[in-house]
Amino acid sequence: MEYNKYYTSLTNYFGENDPGKLFEDKLLPLLRSLGIKKEKDIKNIFDIVKEIAEESYSNGSDQRVIIY
């Protein structure tokens, strides 16, 4: 597993596809291009994105149980 600075621990069963990688690859460059460069600000945004991802992960799990 590749360890990233922004790790959410919301991987698949095999430890792959962590949303933190998308944050680093896609959103972080956009934030920096918009002038958001302070680590404190980036961490606050990451925490919000992580919370959204956790809710989605939880909701998907809940729906899986209901459907099957």
PDB file of N, CA and C in Angstrom:
ATOM      1  N   MET A   1       0.838  -1.177   0.000  1.00  0.00           N
ATOM      2  CA  MET A   1       0.000   0.000   0.000  1.00  0.00           C
ATOM      3  C   MET A   1       0.883   1.240   0.000  1.00  0.00           C
ATOM      4  N   GLU A   2       0.504   2.170  -0.793  1.00  0.00           N
ATOM      5  CA  GLU A   2       1.216   3.448  -0.852  1.00  0.00           C
ATOM      6  C   GLU A   2       0.648   4.366   0.229  1.00  0.00           C
ATOM      7  N   TYR A   3       1.512   4.862   1.070  1.00  0.00           N
ATOM      8  CA  TYR A   3       1.055   5.751   2.133  1.00  0.00           C
ATOM      9  C   TYR A   3       1.089   7.186   1.638  1.00  0.00           C
ATOM     10  N   ASN A   4      -0.014   7.844   1.792  1.00  0.00           N
ATOM     11  CA  ASN A   4      -0.155   9.223   1.350  1.00  0.00           C
ATOM     12  C   ASN A   4      -0.299  10.131   2.559  1.00  0.00           C
ATOM     13  N   LYS A   5      -0.043  11.385   2.363  1.00  0.00           N
ATOM     14  CA  LYS A   5      -0.200  12.354   3.440  1.00  0.00           C
ATOM     15  C   LYS A   5      -1.666  12.480   3.842  1.00  0.00           C
ATOM     16  N   TYR A   6      -2.554  12.398   2.875  1.00  0.00           N
ATOM     17  CA  TYR A   6      -3.981  12.533   3.131  1.00  0.00           C
ATOM     18  C   TYR A   6      -4.643  11.166   2.970  1.00  0.00           C
ATOM     19  N   TYR A   7      -4.622  10.409   4.020  1.00  0.00           N
ATOM     20  CA  TYR A   7      -5.127   9.033   4.006  1.00  0.00           C
ATOM     21  C   TYR A   7      -6.443   8.973   4.759  1.00  0.00           C
ATOM     22  N   THR A   8      -7.489   8.432   4.150  1.00  0.00           N
ATOM     23  CA  THR A   8      -8.801   8.389   4.784  1.00  0.00           C
ATOM     24  C   THR A   8      -9.104   7.057   5.461  1.00  0.00           C
ATOM     25  N   SER A   9      -8.407   6.016   5.115  1.00  0.00           N
ATOM     26  CA  SER A   9      -8.638   4.644   5.594  1.00  0.00           C
ATOM     27  C   SER A   9      -9.964   4.071   5.095  1.00  0.00           C
ATOM     28  N   LEU A  10     -10.491   4.615   4.024  1.00  0.00           N
ATOM     29  CA  LEU A  10     -11.744   4.130   3.443  1.00  0.00           C
ATOM     30  C   LEU A  10     -11.460   3.334   2.176  1.00  0.00           C
ATOM     31  N   THR A  11     -10.552   2.403   2.272  1.00  0.00           N
ATOM     32  CA  THR A  11     -10.138   1.617   1.116  1.00  0.00           C
ATOM     33  C   THR A  11     -11.085   0.448   0.884  1.00  0.00           C
ATOM     34  N   ASN A  12     -10.869  -0.236  -0.227  1.00  0.00           N
ATOM     35  CA  ASN A  12     -11.610  -1.467  -0.451  1.00  0.00           C
ATOM     36  C   ASN A  12     -10.996  -2.575   0.417  1.00  0.00           C
ATOM     37  N   TYR A  13     -11.504  -3.769   0.285  1.00  0.00           N
ATOM     38  CA  TYR A  13     -11.065  -4.910   1.098  1.00  0.00           C
ATOM     39  C   TYR A  13      -9.563  -5.162   0.985  1.00  0.00           C
ATOM     40  N   PHE A  14      -8.979  -4.817  -0.151  1.00  0.00           N
ATOM     41  CA  PHE A  14      -7.567  -5.086  -0.404  1.00  0.00           C
ATOM     42  C   PHE A  14      -6.666  -3.896  -0.070  1.00  0.00           C
ATOM     43  N   GLY A  15      -7.224  -2.851   0.523  1.00  0.00           N
ATOM     44  CA  GLY A  15      -6.439  -1.679   0.882  1.00  0.00           C
ATOM     45  C   GLY A  15      -6.139  -0.765  -0.289  1.00  0.00           C
ATOM     46  N   GLU A  16      -6.956  -0.836  -1.314  1.00  0.00           N
ATOM     47  CA  GLU A  16      -6.757  -0.029  -2.519  1.00  0.00           C
ATOM     48  C   GLU A  16      -7.849   1.040  -2.621  1.00  0.00           C
ATOM     49  N   ASN A  17      -7.619   1.994  -3.490  1.00  0.00           N
ATOM     50  CA  ASN A  17      -8.620   3.008  -3.851  1.00  0.00           C
ATOM     51  C   ASN A  17      -9.016   3.930  -2.703  1.00  0.00           C
ATOM     52  N   ASP A  18      -8.060   4.383  -1.927  1.00  0.00           N
ATOM     53  CA  ASP A  18      -8.369   5.321  -0.858  1.00  0.00           C
ATOM     54  C   ASP A  18      -8.727   6.685  -1.459  1.00  0.00           C
ATOM     55  N   PRO A  19      -9.836   7.310  -1.030  1.00  0.00           N
ATOM     56  CA  PRO A  19     -10.217   8.617  -1.556  1.00  0.00           C
ATOM     57  C   PRO A  19      -9.160   9.704  -1.324  1.00  0.00           C
ATOM     58  N   GLY A  20      -8.290   9.507  -0.358  1.00  0.00           N
ATOM     59  CA  GLY A  20      -7.222  10.478  -0.113  1.00  0.00           C
ATOM     60  C   GLY A  20      -6.305  10.647  -1.312  1.00  0.00           C
ATOM     61  N   LYS A  21      -6.154   9.585  -2.084  1.00  0.00           N
ATOM     62  CA  LYS A  21      -5.323   9.662  -3.295  1.00  0.00           C
ATOM     63  C   LYS A  21      -5.967  10.603  -4.313  1.00  0.00           C
ATOM     64  N   LEU A  22      -7.275  10.515  -4.467  1.00  0.00           N
ATOM     65  CA  LEU A  22      -7.975  11.442  -5.360  1.00  0.00           C
ATOM     66  C   LEU A  22      -7.856  12.873  -4.854  1.00  0.00           C
ATOM     67  N   PHE A  23      -7.932  13.043  -3.547  1.00  0.00           N
ATOM     68  CA  PHE A  23      -7.760  14.370  -2.963  1.00  0.00           C
ATOM     69  C   PHE A  23      -6.399  14.926  -3.347  1.00  0.00           C
ATOM     70  N   GLU A  24      -5.363  14.106  -3.197  1.00  0.00           N
ATOM     71  CA  GLU A  24      -4.005  14.559  -3.519  1.00  0.00           C
ATOM     72  C   GLU A  24      -3.807  14.803  -5.002  1.00  0.00           C
ATOM     73  N   ASP A  25      -4.336  13.905  -5.829  1.00  0.00           N
ATOM     74  CA  ASP A  25      -4.099  13.991  -7.268  1.00  0.00           C
ATOM     75  C   ASP A  25      -4.965  15.039  -7.972  1.00  0.00           C
ATOM     76  N   LYS A  26      -6.195  15.214  -7.521  1.00  0.00           N
ATOM     77  CA  LYS A  26      -7.140  16.074  -8.244  1.00  0.00           C
ATOM     78  C   LYS A  26      -7.465  17.379  -7.512  1.00  0.00           C
ATOM     79  N   LEU A  27      -7.842  17.271  -6.252  1.00  0.00           N
ATOM     80  CA  LEU A  27      -8.327  18.447  -5.540  1.00  0.00           C
ATOM     81  C   LEU A  27      -7.201  19.323  -5.000  1.00  0.00           C
ATOM     82  N   LEU A  28      -6.146  18.722  -4.501  1.00  0.00           N
ATOM     83  CA  LEU A  28      -5.045  19.501  -3.937  1.00  0.00           C
ATOM     84  C   LEU A  28      -4.411  20.453  -4.956  1.00  0.00           C
ATOM     85  N   PRO A  29      -4.121  20.004  -6.185  1.00  0.00           N
ATOM     86  CA  PRO A  29      -3.587  20.959  -7.172  1.00  0.00           C
ATOM     87  C   PRO A  29      -4.568  22.100  -7.469  1.00  0.00           C
ATOM     88  N   LEU A  30      -5.862  21.800  -7.501  1.00  0.00           N
ATOM     89  CA  LEU A  30      -6.861  22.834  -7.738  1.00  0.00           C
ATOM     90  C   LEU A  30      -6.873  23.846  -6.587  1.00  0.00           C
ATOM     91  N   LEU A  31      -6.836  23.351  -5.350  1.00  0.00           N
ATOM     92  CA  LEU A  31      -6.816  24.248  -4.196  1.00  0.00           C
ATOM     93  C   LEU A  31      -5.598  25.159  -4.243  1.00  0.00           C
ATOM     94  N   ARG A  32      -4.458  24.589  -4.574  1.00  0.00           N
ATOM     95  CA  ARG A  32      -3.230  25.386  -4.638  1.00  0.00           C
ATOM     96  C   ARG A  32      -3.307  26.417  -5.755  1.00  0.00           C
ATOM     97  N   SER A  33      -3.899  26.038  -6.888  1.00  0.00           N
ATOM     98  CA  SER A  33      -4.014  26.997  -8.001  1.00  0.00           C
ATOM     99  C   SER A  33      -4.977  28.133  -7.654  1.00  0.00           C
ATOM    100  N   LEU A  34      -5.885  27.880  -6.714  1.00  0.00           N
ATOM    101  CA  LEU A  34      -6.821  28.908  -6.264  1.00  0.00           C
ATOM    102  C   LEU A  34      -6.236  29.763  -5.143  1.00  0.00           C
ATOM    103  N   GLY A  35      -4.993  29.465  -4.763  1.00  0.00           N
ATOM    104  CA  GLY A  35      -4.314  30.271  -3.757  1.00  0.00           C
ATOM    105  C   GLY A  35      -4.409  29.739  -2.340  1.00  0.00           C
ATOM    106  N   ILE A  36      -4.964  28.553  -2.177  1.00  0.00           N
ATOM    107  CA  ILE A  36      -5.054  27.945  -0.845  1.00  0.00           C
ATOM    108  C   ILE A  36      -3.789  27.109  -0.647  1.00  0.00           C
ATOM    109  N   LYS A  37      -2.863  27.635   0.095  1.00  0.00           N
ATOM    110  CA  LYS A  37      -1.568  26.983   0.217  1.00  0.00           C
ATOM    111  C   LYS A  37      -1.190  26.643   1.660  1.00  0.00           C
ATOM    112  N   LYS A  38      -1.843  27.276   2.630  1.00  0.00           N
ATOM    113  CA  LYS A  38      -1.514  27.008   4.030  1.00  0.00           C
ATOM    114  C   LYS A  38      -1.960  25.601   4.407  1.00  0.00           C
ATOM    115  N   GLU A  39      -1.067  24.882   5.054  1.00  0.00           N
ATOM    116  CA  GLU A  39      -1.359  23.498   5.428  1.00  0.00           C
ATOM    117  C   GLU A  39      -2.591  23.420   6.331  1.00  0.00           C
ATOM    118  N   LYS A  40      -2.773  24.392   7.199  1.00  0.00           N
ATOM    119  CA  LYS A  40      -3.936  24.413   8.098  1.00  0.00           C
ATOM    120  C   LYS A  40      -5.235  24.474   7.301  1.00  0.00           C
ATOM    121  N   ASP A  41      -5.272  25.314   6.273  1.00  0.00           N
ATOM    122  CA  ASP A  41      -6.465  25.445   5.439  1.00  0.00           C
ATOM    123  C   ASP A  41      -6.720  24.175   4.628  1.00  0.00           C
ATOM    124  N   ILE A  42      -5.658  23.620   4.075  1.00  0.00           N
ATOM    125  CA  ILE A  42      -5.782  22.389   3.294  1.00  0.00           C
ATOM    126  C   ILE A  42      -6.259  21.251   4.182  1.00  0.00           C
ATOM    127  N   LYS A  43      -5.744  21.173   5.395  1.00  0.00           N
ATOM    128  CA  LYS A  43      -6.152  20.124   6.342  1.00  0.00           C
ATOM    129  C   LYS A  43      -7.624  20.275   6.698  1.00  0.00           C
ATOM    130  N   ASN A  44      -8.094  21.508   6.896  1.00  0.00           N
ATOM    131  CA  ASN A  44      -9.515  21.730   7.182  1.00  0.00           C
ATOM    132  C   ASN A  44     -10.390  21.253   6.026  1.00  0.00           C
ATOM    133  N   ILE A  45      -9.988  21.558   4.807  1.00  0.00           N
ATOM    134  CA  ILE A  45     -10.743  21.116   3.628  1.00  0.00           C
ATOM    135  C   ILE A  45     -10.707  19.604   3.518  1.00  0.00           C
ATOM    136  N   PHE A  46      -9.532  19.009   3.759  1.00  0.00           N
ATOM    137  CA  PHE A  46      -9.422  17.544   3.721  1.00  0.00           C
ATOM    138  C   PHE A  46     -10.341  16.904   4.756  1.00  0.00           C
ATOM    139  N   ASP A  47     -10.408  17.463   5.940  1.00  0.00           N
ATOM    140  CA  ASP A  47     -11.274  16.904   6.982  1.00  0.00           C
ATOM    141  C   ASP A  47     -12.736  16.908   6.552  1.00  0.00           C
ATOM    142  N   ILE A  48     -13.154  17.965   5.849  1.00  0.00           N
ATOM    143  CA  ILE A  48     -14.526  18.030   5.340  1.00  0.00           C
ATOM    144  C   ILE A  48     -14.739  16.974   4.255  1.00  0.00           C
ATOM    145  N   VAL A  49     -13.804  16.866   3.336  1.00  0.00           N
ATOM    146  CA  VAL A  49     -13.901  15.864   2.264  1.00  0.00           C
ATOM    147  C   VAL A  49     -13.912  14.457   2.860  1.00  0.00           C
ATOM    148  N   LYS A  50     -13.086  14.236   3.874  1.00  0.00           N
ATOM    149  CA  LYS A  50     -13.042  12.923   4.523  1.00  0.00           C
ATOM    150  C   LYS A  50     -14.382  12.616   5.186  1.00  0.00           C
ATOM    151  N   GLU A  51     -14.976  13.600   5.836  1.00  0.00           N
ATOM    152  CA  GLU A  51     -16.278  13.395   6.471  1.00  0.00           C
ATOM    153  C   GLU A  51     -17.342  13.035   5.430  1.00  0.00           C
ATOM    154  N   ILE A  52     -17.318  13.717   4.296  1.00  0.00           N
ATOM    155  CA  ILE A  52     -18.248  13.397   3.208  1.00  0.00           C
ATOM    156  C   ILE A  52     -18.019  11.975   2.717  1.00  0.00           C
ATOM    157  N   ALA A  53     -16.758  11.595   2.530  1.00  0.00           N
ATOM    158  CA  ALA A  53     -16.436  10.245   2.061  1.00  0.00           C
ATOM    159  C   ALA A  53     -16.871   9.192   3.077  1.00  0.00           C
ATOM    160  N   GLU A  54     -16.683   9.480   4.363  1.00  0.00           N
ATOM    161  CA  GLU A  54     -17.099   8.532   5.404  1.00  0.00           C
ATOM    162  C   GLU A  54     -18.609   8.328   5.399  1.00  0.00           C
ATOM    163  N   GLU A  55     -19.357   9.410   5.227  1.00  0.00           N
ATOM    164  CA  GLU A  55     -20.814   9.302   5.155  1.00  0.00           C
ATOM    165  C   GLU A  55     -21.230   8.467   3.943  1.00  0.00           C
ATOM    166  N   SER A  56     -20.610   8.727   2.810  1.00  0.00           N
ATOM    167  CA  SER A  56     -20.928   7.968   1.601  1.00  0.00           C
ATOM    168  C   SER A  56     -20.593   6.497   1.767  1.00  0.00           C
ATOM    169  N   TYR A  57     -19.449   6.235   2.354  1.00  0.00           N
ATOM    170  CA  TYR A  57     -19.008   4.856   2.600  1.00  0.00           C
ATOM    171  C   TYR A  57     -20.009   4.145   3.515  1.00  0.00           C
ATOM    172  N   SER A  58     -20.414   4.832   4.569  1.00  0.00           N
ATOM    173  CA  SER A  58     -21.369   4.273   5.518  1.00  0.00           C
ATOM    174  C   SER A  58     -22.732   4.052   4.860  1.00  0.00           C
ATOM    175  N   ASN A  59     -23.191   5.044   4.107  1.00  0.00           N
ATOM    176  CA  ASN A  59     -24.473   4.911   3.431  1.00  0.00           C
ATOM    177  C   ASN A  59     -24.461   3.768   2.424  1.00  0.00           C
ATOM    178  N   GLY A  60     -23.371   3.616   1.709  1.00  0.00           N
ATOM    179  CA  GLY A  60     -23.255   2.511   0.750  1.00  0.00           C
ATOM    180  C   GLY A  60     -23.306   1.173   1.453  1.00  0.00           C
ATOM    181  N   SER A  61     -22.659   1.086   2.592  1.00  0.00           N
ATOM    182  CA  SER A  61     -22.684  -0.147   3.367  1.00  0.00           C
ATOM    183  C   SER A  61     -24.083  -0.432   3.879  1.00  0.00           C
ATOM    184  N   ASP A  62     -24.765   0.606   4.375  1.00  0.00           N
ATOM    185  CA  ASP A  62     -26.139   0.440   4.859  1.00  0.00           C
ATOM    186  C   ASP A  62     -27.056  -0.029   3.735  1.00  0.00           C
ATOM    187  N   GLN A  63     -26.923   0.557   2.552  1.00  0.00           N
ATOM    188  CA  GLN A  63     -27.767   0.188   1.421  1.00  0.00           C
ATOM    189  C   GLN A  63     -27.494  -1.240   0.964  1.00  0.00           C
ATOM    190  N   ARG A  64     -26.230  -1.641   1.025  1.00  0.00           N
ATOM    191  CA  ARG A  64     -25.863  -3.000   0.626  1.00  0.00           C
ATOM    192  C   ARG A  64     -26.570  -4.017   1.506  1.00  0.00           C
ATOM    193  N   VAL A  65     -26.650  -3.742   2.796  1.00  0.00           N
ATOM    194  CA  VAL A  65     -27.293  -4.647   3.737  1.00  0.00           C
ATOM    195  C   VAL A  65     -28.787  -4.715   3.474  1.00  0.00           C
ATOM    196  N   ILE A  66     -29.379  -3.591   3.160  1.00  0.00           N
ATOM    197  CA  ILE A  66     -30.827  -3.552   2.921  1.00  0.00           C
ATOM    198  C   ILE A  66     -31.181  -4.275   1.620  1.00  0.00           C
ATOM    199  N   ILE A  67     -30.378  -4.075   0.580  1.00  0.00           N
ATOM    200  CA  ILE A  67     -30.690  -4.661  -0.734  1.00  0.00           C
ATOM    201  C   ILE A  67     -30.527  -6.173  -0.729  1.00  0.00           C
ATOM    202  N   TYR A  68     -29.498  -6.655  -0.057  1.00  0.00           N
ATOM    203  CA  TYR A  68     -29.233  -8.090  -0.084  1.00  0.00           C
ATOM    204  C   TYR A  68     -29.880  -8.722   1.075  1.00  0.00           C
TER     205      TYR A  68
END
